[in-house]
mmCIF file of all heavy atoms, coordinates in Angstrom:
data_MODEL
# 
_entry.id   MODEL 
# 
loop_
_atom_site.group_PDB 
_atom_site.id 
_atom_site.type_symbol 
_atom_site.label_atom_id 
_atom_site.label_alt_id 
_atom_site.label_comp_id 
_atom_site.label_asym_id 
_atom_site.label_entity_id 
_atom_site.label_seq_id 
_atom_site.pdbx_PDB_ins_code 
_atom_site.Cartn_x 
_atom_site.Cartn_y 
_atom_site.Cartn_z 
_atom_site.occupancy 
_atom_site.B_iso_or_equiv 
_atom_site.pdbx_formal_charge 
_atom_site.auth_seq_id 
_atom_site.auth_comp_id 
_atom_site.auth_asym_id 
_atom_site.auth_atom_id 
_atom_site.pdbx_PDB_model_num 
ATOM 1   N N   . PHE A 1 1  ? 1.467   117.529 320.069 1.00 0.00 ? 1  PHE A N   1 
ATOM 2   C CA  . PHE A 1 1  ? 2.840   117.931 319.796 1.00 0.00 ? 1  PHE A CA  1 
ATOM 3   C C   . PHE A 1 1  ? 2.867   118.877 318.607 1.00 0.00 ? 1  PHE A C   1 
ATOM 4   O O   . PHE A 1 1  ? 1.918   118.961 317.829 1.00 0.00 ? 1  PHE A O   1 
ATOM 5   C CB  . PHE A 1 1  ? 3.719   116.707 319.517 1.00 0.00 ? 1  PHE A CB  1 
ATOM 6   C CG  . PHE A 1 1  ? 3.236   115.882 318.354 1.00 0.00 ? 1  PHE A CG  1 
ATOM 7   C CD1 . PHE A 1 1  ? 3.711   116.115 317.072 1.00 0.00 ? 1  PHE A CD1 1 
ATOM 8   C CD2 . PHE A 1 1  ? 2.301   114.889 318.538 1.00 0.00 ? 1  PHE A CD2 1 
ATOM 9   C CE1 . PHE A 1 1  ? 3.267   115.368 315.997 1.00 0.00 ? 1  PHE A CE1 1 
ATOM 10  C CE2 . PHE A 1 1  ? 1.842   114.123 317.467 1.00 0.00 ? 1  PHE A CE2 1 
ATOM 11  C CZ  . PHE A 1 1  ? 2.332   114.367 316.197 1.00 0.00 ? 1  PHE A CZ  1 
ATOM 12  N N   . ARG A 1 2  ? 3.978   119.570 318.474 1.00 0.00 ? 2  ARG A N   1 
ATOM 13  C CA  . ARG A 1 2  ? 4.206   120.445 317.326 1.00 0.00 ? 2  ARG A CA  1 
ATOM 14  C C   . ARG A 1 2  ? 5.091   119.729 316.315 1.00 0.00 ? 2  ARG A C   1 
ATOM 15  O O   . ARG A 1 2  ? 6.017   119.021 316.686 1.00 0.00 ? 2  ARG A O   1 
ATOM 16  C CB  . ARG A 1 2  ? 4.918   121.729 317.773 1.00 0.00 ? 2  ARG A CB  1 
ATOM 17  C CG  . ARG A 1 2  ? 4.061   122.611 318.646 1.00 0.00 ? 2  ARG A CG  1 
ATOM 18  C CD  . ARG A 1 2  ? 4.908   123.597 319.398 1.00 0.00 ? 2  ARG A CD  1 
ATOM 19  N NE  . ARG A 1 2  ? 5.611   122.861 320.468 1.00 0.00 ? 2  ARG A NE  1 
ATOM 20  C CZ  . ARG A 1 2  ? 6.395   123.432 321.363 1.00 0.00 ? 2  ARG A CZ  1 
ATOM 21  N NH1 . ARG A 1 2  ? 6.632   124.733 321.319 1.00 0.00 ? 2  ARG A NH1 1 
ATOM 22  N NH2 . ARG A 1 2  ? 6.977   122.717 322.303 1.00 0.00 ? 2  ARG A NH2 1 
ATOM 23  N N   . ALA A 1 3  ? 4.769   119.955 315.048 1.00 0.00 ? 3  ALA A N   1 
ATOM 24  C CA  . ALA A 1 3  ? 5.585   119.408 313.961 1.00 0.00 ? 3  ALA A CA  1 
ATOM 25  C C   . ALA A 1 3  ? 5.527   120.377 312.790 1.00 0.00 ? 3  ALA A C   1 
ATOM 26  O O   . ALA A 1 3  ? 4.611   121.194 312.687 1.00 0.00 ? 3  ALA A O   1 
ATOM 27  C CB  . ALA A 1 3  ? 5.087   118.033 313.541 1.00 0.00 ? 3  ALA A CB  1 
ATOM 28  N N   . ARG A 1 4  ? 6.504   120.289 311.933 1.00 0.00 ? 4  ARG A N   1 
ATOM 29  C CA  . ARG A 1 4  ? 6.518   121.145 310.741 1.00 0.00 ? 4  ARG A CA  1 
ATOM 30  C C   . ARG A 1 4  ? 5.416   120.710 309.785 1.00 0.00 ? 4  ARG A C   1 
ATOM 31  O O   . ARG A 1 4  ? 5.251   119.528 309.501 1.00 0.00 ? 4  ARG A O   1 
ATOM 32  C CB  . ARG A 1 4  ? 7.858   121.050 310.027 1.00 0.00 ? 4  ARG A CB  1 
ATOM 33  C CG  . ARG A 1 4  ? 9.027   121.577 310.815 1.00 0.00 ? 4  ARG A CG  1 
ATOM 34  C CD  . ARG A 1 4  ? 9.108   123.061 310.708 1.00 0.00 ? 4  ARG A CD  1 
ATOM 35  N NE  . ARG A 1 4  ? 10.307  123.523 311.415 1.00 0.00 ? 4  ARG A NE  1 
ATOM 36  C CZ  . ARG A 1 4  ? 10.526  124.758 311.709 1.00 0.00 ? 4  ARG A CZ  1 
ATOM 37  N NH1 . ARG A 1 4  ? 9.648   125.686 311.367 1.00 0.00 ? 4  ARG A NH1 1 
ATOM 38  N NH2 . ARG A 1 4  ? 11.611  125.113 312.344 1.00 0.00 ? 4  ARG A NH2 1 
ATOM 39  N N   . ASN A 1 5  ? 4.678   121.686 309.279 1.00 0.00 ? 5  ASN A N   1 
ATOM 40  C CA  . ASN A 1 5  ? 3.668   121.368 308.273 1.00 0.00 ? 5  ASN A CA  1 
ATOM 41  C C   . ASN A 1 5  ? 4.276   121.499 306.879 1.00 0.00 ? 5  ASN A C   1 
ATOM 42  O O   . ASN A 1 5  ? 5.475   121.745 306.729 1.00 0.00 ? 5  ASN A O   1 
ATOM 43  C CB  . ASN A 1 5  ? 2.413   122.243 308.452 1.00 0.00 ? 5  ASN A CB  1 
ATOM 44  C CG  . ASN A 1 5  ? 2.677   123.721 308.235 1.00 0.00 ? 5  ASN A CG  1 
ATOM 45  O OD1 . ASN A 1 5  ? 3.671   124.128 307.630 1.00 0.00 ? 5  ASN A OD1 1 
ATOM 46  N ND2 . ASN A 1 5  ? 1.767   124.539 308.735 1.00 0.00 ? 5  ASN A ND2 1 
ATOM 47  N N   . GLU A 1 6  ? 3.442   121.350 305.871 1.00 0.00 ? 6  GLU A N   1 
ATOM 48  C CA  . GLU A 1 6  ? 3.938   121.362 304.486 1.00 0.00 ? 6  GLU A CA  1 
ATOM 49  C C   . GLU A 1 6  ? 4.525   122.703 304.068 1.00 0.00 ? 6  GLU A C   1 
ATOM 50  O O   . GLU A 1 6  ? 5.248   122.787 303.079 1.00 0.00 ? 6  GLU A O   1 
ATOM 51  C CB  . GLU A 1 6  ? 2.830   120.936 303.513 1.00 0.00 ? 6  GLU A CB  1 
ATOM 52  C CG  . GLU A 1 6  ? 1.652   121.888 303.433 1.00 0.00 ? 6  GLU A CG  1 
ATOM 53  C CD  . GLU A 1 6  ? 0.575   121.636 304.489 1.00 0.00 ? 6  GLU A CD  1 
ATOM 54  O OE1 . GLU A 1 6  ? 0.774   120.833 305.412 1.00 0.00 ? 6  GLU A OE1 1 
ATOM 55  O OE2 . GLU A 1 6  ? -0.480  122.271 304.385 1.00 0.00 ? 6  GLU A OE2 1 
ATOM 56  N N   . HIS A 1 7  ? 4.249   123.776 304.839 1.00 0.00 ? 7  HIS A N   1 
ATOM 57  C CA  . HIS A 1 7  ? 4.780   125.104 304.533 1.00 0.00 ? 7  HIS A CA  1 
ATOM 58  C C   . HIS A 1 7  ? 6.036   125.430 305.345 1.00 0.00 ? 7  HIS A C   1 
ATOM 59  O O   . HIS A 1 7  ? 6.591   126.512 305.211 1.00 0.00 ? 7  HIS A O   1 
ATOM 60  C CB  . HIS A 1 7  ? 3.717   126.174 304.804 1.00 0.00 ? 7  HIS A CB  1 
ATOM 61  C CG  . HIS A 1 7  ? 2.444   125.938 304.069 1.00 0.00 ? 7  HIS A CG  1 
ATOM 62  N ND1 . HIS A 1 7  ? 2.327   126.055 302.698 1.00 0.00 ? 7  HIS A ND1 1 
ATOM 63  C CD2 . HIS A 1 7  ? 1.222   125.549 304.503 1.00 0.00 ? 7  HIS A CD2 1 
ATOM 64  C CE1 . HIS A 1 7  ? 1.093   125.757 302.335 1.00 0.00 ? 7  HIS A CE1 1 
ATOM 65  N NE2 . HIS A 1 7  ? 0.408   125.446 303.414 1.00 0.00 ? 7  HIS A NE2 1 
ATOM 66  N N   . GLY A 1 8  ? 6.446   124.489 306.204 1.00 0.00 ? 8  GLY A N   1 
ATOM 67  C CA  . GLY A 1 8  ? 7.618   124.705 307.031 1.00 0.00 ? 8  GLY A CA  1 
ATOM 68  C C   . GLY A 1 8  ? 7.333   125.403 308.346 1.00 0.00 ? 8  GLY A C   1 
ATOM 69  O O   . GLY A 1 8  ? 8.257   125.705 309.101 1.00 0.00 ? 8  GLY A O   1 
ATOM 70  N N   . ASP A 1 9  ? 6.055   125.662 308.636 1.00 0.00 ? 9  ASP A N   1 
ATOM 71  C CA  . ASP A 1 9  ? 5.661   126.301 309.896 1.00 0.00 ? 9  ASP A CA  1 
ATOM 72  C C   . ASP A 1 9  ? 5.388   125.235 310.950 1.00 0.00 ? 9  ASP A C   1 
ATOM 73  O O   . ASP A 1 9  ? 5.095   124.084 310.631 1.00 0.00 ? 9  ASP A O   1 
ATOM 74  C CB  . ASP A 1 9  ? 4.386   127.132 309.697 1.00 0.00 ? 9  ASP A CB  1 
ATOM 75  C CG  . ASP A 1 9  ? 4.565   128.229 308.670 1.00 0.00 ? 9  ASP A CG  1 
ATOM 76  O OD1 . ASP A 1 9  ? 5.630   128.886 308.673 1.00 0.00 ? 9  ASP A OD1 1 
ATOM 77  O OD2 . ASP A 1 9  ? 3.636   128.417 307.849 1.00 0.00 ? 9  ASP A OD2 1 
ATOM 78  N N   . TRP A 1 10 ? 5.450   125.648 312.227 1.00 0.00 ? 10 TRP A N   1 
ATOM 79  C CA  . TRP A 1 10 ? 5.086   124.737 313.312 1.00 0.00 ? 10 TRP A CA  1 
ATOM 80  C C   . TRP A 1 10 ? 3.569   124.668 313.405 1.00 0.00 ? 10 TRP A C   1 
ATOM 81  O O   . TRP A 1 10 ? 2.891   125.681 313.416 1.00 0.00 ? 10 TRP A O   1 
ATOM 82  C CB  . TRP A 1 10 ? 5.659   125.194 314.653 1.00 0.00 ? 10 TRP A CB  1 
ATOM 83  C CG  . TRP A 1 10 ? 7.138   125.074 314.741 1.00 0.00 ? 10 TRP A CG  1 
ATOM 84  C CD1 . TRP A 1 10 ? 8.036   126.090 314.806 1.00 0.00 ? 10 TRP A CD1 1 
ATOM 85  C CD2 . TRP A 1 10 ? 7.906   123.874 314.761 1.00 0.00 ? 10 TRP A CD2 1 
ATOM 86  N NE1 . TRP A 1 10 ? 9.311   125.596 314.865 1.00 0.00 ? 10 TRP A NE1 1 
ATOM 87  C CE2 . TRP A 1 10 ? 9.267   124.236 314.836 1.00 0.00 ? 10 TRP A CE2 1 
ATOM 88  C CE3 . TRP A 1 10 ? 7.584   122.525 314.715 1.00 0.00 ? 10 TRP A CE3 1 
ATOM 89  C CZ2 . TRP A 1 10 ? 10.291  123.301 314.888 1.00 0.00 ? 10 TRP A CZ2 1 
ATOM 90  C CZ3 . TRP A 1 10 ? 8.610   121.590 314.764 1.00 0.00 ? 10 TRP A CZ3 1 
ATOM 91  C CH2 . TRP A 1 10 ? 9.946   121.983 314.840 1.00 0.00 ? 10 TRP A CH2 1 
ATOM 92  N N   . ALA A 1 11 ? 3.041   123.472 313.467 1.00 0.00 ? 11 ALA A N   1 
ATOM 93  C CA  . ALA A 1 11 ? 1.607   123.251 313.629 1.00 0.00 ? 11 ALA A CA  1 
ATOM 94  C C   . ALA A 1 11 ? 1.405   122.246 314.759 1.00 0.00 ? 11 ALA A C   1 
ATOM 95  O O   . ALA A 1 11 ? 2.274   121.419 315.031 1.00 0.00 ? 11 ALA A O   1 
ATOM 96  C CB  . ALA A 1 11 ? 1.002   122.704 312.337 1.00 0.00 ? 11 ALA A CB  1 
ATOM 97  N N   . TRP A 1 12 ? 0.272   122.337 315.422 1.00 0.00 ? 12 TRP A N   1 
ATOM 98  C CA  . TRP A 1 12 ? -0.068  121.421 316.510 1.00 0.00 ? 12 TRP A CA  1 
ATOM 99  C C   . TRP A 1 12 ? -0.842  120.231 315.958 1.00 0.00 ? 12 TRP A C   1 
ATOM 100 O O   . TRP A 1 12 ? -1.723  120.382 315.122 1.00 0.00 ? 12 TRP A O   1 
ATOM 101 C CB  . TRP A 1 12 ? -0.907  122.123 317.571 1.00 0.00 ? 12 TRP A CB  1 
ATOM 102 C CG  . TRP A 1 12 ? -0.090  122.965 318.480 1.00 0.00 ? 12 TRP A CG  1 
ATOM 103 C CD1 . TRP A 1 12 ? 0.129   124.311 318.373 1.00 0.00 ? 12 TRP A CD1 1 
ATOM 104 C CD2 . TRP A 1 12 ? 0.634   122.540 319.632 1.00 0.00 ? 12 TRP A CD2 1 
ATOM 105 N NE1 . TRP A 1 12 ? 0.943   124.744 319.378 1.00 0.00 ? 12 TRP A NE1 1 
ATOM 106 C CE2 . TRP A 1 12 ? 1.270   123.669 320.177 1.00 0.00 ? 12 TRP A CE2 1 
ATOM 107 C CE3 . TRP A 1 12 ? 0.822   121.316 320.254 1.00 0.00 ? 12 TRP A CE3 1 
ATOM 108 C CZ2 . TRP A 1 12 ? 2.059   123.598 321.322 1.00 0.00 ? 12 TRP A CZ2 1 
ATOM 109 C CZ3 . TRP A 1 12 ? 1.607   121.249 321.387 1.00 0.00 ? 12 TRP A CZ3 1 
ATOM 110 C CH2 . TRP A 1 12 ? 2.224   122.384 321.914 1.00 0.00 ? 12 TRP A CH2 1 
ATOM 111 N N   . PHE A 1 13 ? -0.495  119.047 316.469 1.00 0.00 ? 13 PHE A N   1 
ATOM 112 C CA  . PHE A 1 13 ? -1.153  117.805 316.087 1.00 0.00 ? 13 PHE A CA  1 
ATOM 113 C C   . PHE A 1 13 ? -1.572  117.045 317.336 1.00 0.00 ? 13 PHE A C   1 
ATOM 114 O O   . PHE A 1 13 ? -0.960  117.196 318.394 1.00 0.00 ? 13 PHE A O   1 
ATOM 115 C CB  . PHE A 1 13 ? -0.217  116.921 315.248 1.00 0.00 ? 13 PHE A CB  1 
ATOM 116 C CG  . PHE A 1 13 ? 0.129   117.527 313.925 1.00 0.00 ? 13 PHE A CG  1 
ATOM 117 C CD1 . PHE A 1 13 ? 1.222   118.364 313.792 1.00 0.00 ? 13 PHE A CD1 1 
ATOM 118 C CD2 . PHE A 1 13 ? -0.662  117.282 312.815 1.00 0.00 ? 13 PHE A CD2 1 
ATOM 119 C CE1 . PHE A 1 13 ? 1.540   118.942 312.574 1.00 0.00 ? 13 PHE A CE1 1 
ATOM 120 C CE2 . PHE A 1 13 ? -0.354  117.860 311.587 1.00 0.00 ? 13 PHE A CE2 1 
ATOM 121 C CZ  . PHE A 1 13 ? 0.748   118.686 311.471 1.00 0.00 ? 13 PHE A CZ  1 
ATOM 122 N N   . LEU A 1 14 ? -2.601  116.249 317.191 1.00 0.00 ? 14 LEU A N   1 
ATOM 123 C CA  . LEU A 1 14 ? -3.075  115.389 318.269 1.00 0.00 ? 14 LEU A CA  1 
ATOM 124 C C   . LEU A 1 14 ? -3.083  113.958 317.756 1.00 0.00 ? 14 LEU A C   1 
ATOM 125 O O   . LEU A 1 14 ? -3.682  113.671 316.717 1.00 0.00 ? 14 LEU A O   1 
ATOM 126 C CB  . LEU A 1 14 ? -4.489  115.786 318.696 1.00 0.00 ? 14 LEU A CB  1 
ATOM 127 C CG  . LEU A 1 14 ? -5.173  114.860 319.705 1.00 0.00 ? 14 LEU A CG  1 
ATOM 128 C CD1 . LEU A 1 14 ? -4.433  114.887 321.045 1.00 0.00 ? 14 LEU A CD1 1 
ATOM 129 C CD2 . LEU A 1 14 ? -6.627  115.266 319.894 1.00 0.00 ? 14 LEU A CD2 1 
ATOM 130 N N   . GLN A 1 15 ? -2.392  113.085 318.481 1.00 0.00 ? 15 GLN A N   1 
ATOM 131 C CA  . GLN A 1 15 ? -2.402  111.663 318.144 1.00 0.00 ? 15 GLN A CA  1 
ATOM 132 C C   . GLN A 1 15 ? -3.141  110.918 319.238 1.00 0.00 ? 15 GLN A C   1 
ATOM 133 O O   . GLN A 1 15 ? -2.929  111.169 320.426 1.00 0.00 ? 15 GLN A O   1 
ATOM 134 C CB  . GLN A 1 15 ? -0.989  111.095 318.048 1.00 0.00 ? 15 GLN A CB  1 
ATOM 135 C CG  . GLN A 1 15 ? -0.309  111.379 316.760 1.00 0.00 ? 15 GLN A CG  1 
ATOM 136 C CD  . GLN A 1 15 ? 0.995   110.611 316.611 1.00 0.00 ? 15 GLN A CD  1 
ATOM 137 O OE1 . GLN A 1 15 ? 1.615   110.206 317.587 1.00 0.00 ? 15 GLN A OE1 1 
ATOM 138 N NE2 . GLN A 1 15 ? 1.424   110.433 315.380 1.00 0.00 ? 15 GLN A NE2 1 
ATOM 139 N N   . ARG A 1 16 ? -3.987  109.994 318.807 1.00 0.00 ? 16 ARG A N   1 
ATOM 140 C CA  . ARG A 1 16 ? -4.696  109.111 319.732 1.00 0.00 ? 16 ARG A CA  1 
ATOM 141 C C   . ARG A 1 16 ? -4.621  107.706 319.179 1.00 0.00 ? 16 ARG A C   1 
ATOM 142 O O   . ARG A 1 16 ? -4.689  107.508 317.967 1.00 0.00 ? 16 ARG A O   1 
ATOM 143 C CB  . ARG A 1 16 ? -6.163  109.509 319.851 1.00 0.00 ? 16 ARG A CB  1 
ATOM 144 C CG  . ARG A 1 16 ? -6.381  110.799 320.578 1.00 0.00 ? 16 ARG A CG  1 
ATOM 145 C CD  . ARG A 1 16 ? -7.857  111.068 320.698 1.00 0.00 ? 16 ARG A CD  1 
ATOM 146 N NE  . ARG A 1 16 ? -8.065  112.257 321.513 1.00 0.00 ? 16 ARG A NE  1 
ATOM 147 C CZ  . ARG A 1 16 ? -9.148  112.996 321.457 1.00 0.00 ? 16 ARG A CZ  1 
ATOM 148 N NH1 . ARG A 1 16 ? -10.130 112.683 320.631 1.00 0.00 ? 16 ARG A NH1 1 
ATOM 149 N NH2 . ARG A 1 16 ? -9.274  114.055 322.238 1.00 0.00 ? 16 ARG A NH2 1 
ATOM 150 N N   . GLY A 1 17 ? -4.488  106.750 320.076 1.00 0.00 ? 17 GLY A N   1 
ATOM 151 C CA  . GLY A 1 17 ? -4.422  105.376 319.621 1.00 0.00 ? 17 GLY A CA  1 
ATOM 152 C C   . GLY A 1 17 ? -4.698  104.401 320.737 1.00 0.00 ? 17 GLY A C   1 
ATOM 153 O O   . GLY A 1 17 ? -4.844  104.779 321.906 1.00 0.00 ? 17 GLY A O   1 
ATOM 154 N N   . GLN A 1 18 ? -4.765  103.140 320.357 1.00 0.00 ? 18 GLN A N   1 
ATOM 155 C CA  . GLN A 1 18 ? -5.039  102.083 321.305 1.00 0.00 ? 18 GLN A CA  1 
ATOM 156 C C   . GLN A 1 18 ? -4.460  100.783 320.773 1.00 0.00 ? 18 GLN A C   1 
ATOM 157 O O   . GLN A 1 18 ? -4.512  100.511 319.576 1.00 0.00 ? 18 GLN A O   1 
ATOM 158 C CB  . GLN A 1 18 ? -6.547  101.934 321.487 1.00 0.00 ? 18 GLN A CB  1 
ATOM 159 C CG  . GLN A 1 18 ? -6.936  100.890 322.478 1.00 0.00 ? 18 GLN A CG  1 
ATOM 160 C CD  . GLN A 1 18 ? -8.441  100.826 322.675 1.00 0.00 ? 18 GLN A CD  1 
ATOM 161 O OE1 . GLN A 1 18 ? -9.202  101.496 321.985 1.00 0.00 ? 18 GLN A OE1 1 
ATOM 162 N NE2 . GLN A 1 18 ? -8.870  100.021 323.617 1.00 0.00 ? 18 GLN A NE2 1 
ATOM 163 N N   . ALA A 1 19 ? -3.945  99.986  321.677 1.00 0.00 ? 19 ALA A N   1 
ATOM 164 C CA  . ALA A 1 19 ? -3.493  98.652  321.305 1.00 0.00 ? 19 ALA A CA  1 
ATOM 165 C C   . ALA A 1 19 ? -4.721  97.780  321.104 1.00 0.00 ? 19 ALA A C   1 
ATOM 166 O O   . ALA A 1 19 ? -5.612  97.748  321.956 1.00 0.00 ? 19 ALA A O   1 
ATOM 167 C CB  . ALA A 1 19 ? -2.608  98.064  322.394 1.00 0.00 ? 19 ALA A CB  1 
ATOM 168 N N   . VAL A 1 20 ? -4.788  97.104  319.984 1.00 0.00 ? 20 VAL A N   1 
ATOM 169 C CA  . VAL A 1 20 ? -5.894  96.189  319.728 1.00 0.00 ? 20 VAL A CA  1 
ATOM 170 C C   . VAL A 1 20 ? -5.457  94.738  319.883 1.00 0.00 ? 20 VAL A C   1 
ATOM 171 O O   . VAL A 1 20 ? -6.288  93.831  319.837 1.00 0.00 ? 20 VAL A O   1 
ATOM 172 C CB  . VAL A 1 20 ? -6.524  96.427  318.333 1.00 0.00 ? 20 VAL A CB  1 
ATOM 173 C CG1 . VAL A 1 20 ? -7.192  97.787  318.287 1.00 0.00 ? 20 VAL A CG1 1 
ATOM 174 C CG2 . VAL A 1 20 ? -5.504  96.289  317.232 1.00 0.00 ? 20 VAL A CG2 1 
ATOM 175 N N   . GLU A 1 21 ? -4.155  94.554  320.096 1.00 0.00 ? 21 GLU A N   1 
ATOM 176 C CA  . GLU A 1 21 ? -3.630  93.217  320.356 1.00 0.00 ? 21 GLU A CA  1 
ATOM 177 C C   . GLU A 1 21 ? -2.373  93.352  321.210 1.00 0.00 ? 21 GLU A C   1 
ATOM 178 O O   . GLU A 1 21 ? -1.530  94.203  320.951 1.00 0.00 ? 21 GLU A O   1 
ATOM 179 C CB  . GLU A 1 21 ? -3.302  92.508  319.037 1.00 0.00 ? 21 GLU A CB  1 
ATOM 180 C CG  . GLU A 1 21 ? -2.822  91.096  319.202 1.00 0.00 ? 21 GLU A CG  1 
ATOM 181 C CD  . GLU A 1 21 ? -2.503  90.428  317.872 1.00 0.00 ? 21 GLU A CD  1 
ATOM 182 O OE1 . GLU A 1 21 ? -2.775  91.016  316.812 1.00 0.00 ? 21 GLU A OE1 1 
ATOM 183 O OE2 . GLU A 1 21 ? -1.955  89.317  317.920 1.00 0.00 ? 21 GLU A OE2 1 
ATOM 184 N N   . ARG A 1 22 ? -2.285  92.522  322.230 1.00 0.00 ? 22 ARG A N   1 
ATOM 185 C CA  . ARG A 1 22 ? -1.114  92.493  323.109 1.00 0.00 ? 22 ARG A CA  1 
ATOM 186 C C   . ARG A 1 22 ? -0.602  91.057  323.207 1.00 0.00 ? 22 ARG A C   1 
ATOM 187 O O   . ARG A 1 22 ? -1.370  90.110  323.058 1.00 0.00 ? 22 ARG A O   1 
ATOM 188 C CB  . ARG A 1 22 ? -1.469  93.023  324.501 1.00 0.00 ? 22 ARG A CB  1 
ATOM 189 C CG  . ARG A 1 22 ? -1.795  94.507  324.495 1.00 0.00 ? 22 ARG A CG  1 
ATOM 190 C CD  . ARG A 1 22 ? -1.970  95.054  325.914 1.00 0.00 ? 22 ARG A CD  1 
ATOM 191 N NE  . ARG A 1 22 ? -2.249  96.470  325.885 1.00 0.00 ? 22 ARG A NE  1 
ATOM 192 C CZ  . ARG A 1 22 ? -1.331  97.429  325.837 1.00 0.00 ? 22 ARG A CZ  1 
ATOM 193 N NH1 . ARG A 1 22 ? -0.047  97.117  325.841 1.00 0.00 ? 22 ARG A NH1 1 
ATOM 194 N NH2 . ARG A 1 22 ? -1.677  98.699  325.799 1.00 0.00 ? 22 ARG A NH2 1 
ATOM 195 N N   . ASP A 1 23 ? 0.699   90.921  323.477 1.00 0.00 ? 23 ASP A N   1 
ATOM 196 C CA  . ASP A 1 23 ? 1.267   89.589  323.631 1.00 0.00 ? 23 ASP A CA  1 
ATOM 197 C C   . ASP A 1 23 ? 1.021   89.080  325.056 1.00 0.00 ? 23 ASP A C   1 
ATOM 198 O O   . ASP A 1 23 ? 0.363   89.739  325.863 1.00 0.00 ? 23 ASP A O   1 
ATOM 199 C CB  . ASP A 1 23 ? 2.752   89.578  323.256 1.00 0.00 ? 23 ASP A CB  1 
ATOM 200 C CG  . ASP A 1 23 ? 3.629   90.426  324.150 1.00 0.00 ? 23 ASP A CG  1 
ATOM 201 O OD1 . ASP A 1 23 ? 3.199   90.830  325.254 1.00 0.00 ? 23 ASP A OD1 1 
ATOM 202 O OD2 . ASP A 1 23 ? 4.781   90.696  323.748 1.00 0.00 ? 23 ASP A OD2 1 
ATOM 203 N N   . ALA A 1 24 ? 1.548   87.915  325.373 1.00 0.00 ? 24 ALA A N   1 
ATOM 204 C CA  . ALA A 1 24 ? 1.320   87.290  326.675 1.00 0.00 ? 24 ALA A CA  1 
ATOM 205 C C   . ALA A 1 24 ? 1.853   88.128  327.838 1.00 0.00 ? 24 ALA A C   1 
ATOM 206 O O   . ALA A 1 24 ? 1.343   88.046  328.954 1.00 0.00 ? 24 ALA A O   1 
ATOM 207 C CB  . ALA A 1 24 ? 1.963   85.901  326.700 1.00 0.00 ? 24 ALA A CB  1 
ATOM 208 N N   . GLU A 1 25 ? 2.850   88.974  327.581 1.00 0.00 ? 25 GLU A N   1 
ATOM 209 C CA  . GLU A 1 25 ? 3.416   89.833  328.628 1.00 0.00 ? 25 GLU A CA  1 
ATOM 210 C C   . GLU A 1 25 ? 2.711   91.185  328.716 1.00 0.00 ? 25 GLU A C   1 
ATOM 211 O O   . GLU A 1 25 ? 3.066   92.034  329.519 1.00 0.00 ? 25 GLU A O   1 
ATOM 212 C CB  . GLU A 1 25 ? 4.916   90.050  328.401 1.00 0.00 ? 25 GLU A CB  1 
ATOM 213 C CG  . GLU A 1 25 ? 5.774   88.822  328.667 1.00 0.00 ? 25 GLU A CG  1 
ATOM 214 C CD  . GLU A 1 25 ? 5.745   87.827  327.509 1.00 0.00 ? 25 GLU A CD  1 
ATOM 215 O OE1 . GLU A 1 25 ? 5.753   88.268  326.342 1.00 0.00 ? 25 GLU A OE1 1 
ATOM 216 O OE2 . GLU A 1 25 ? 5.692   86.616  327.783 1.00 0.00 ? 25 GLU A OE2 1 
# 
């Protein structure tokens, strides 16, 4: 996704993640 960086410009970012714990559902 694009987000504003510290200079106010649009920059591209990549987020990755994983659930390490889930409930019964």
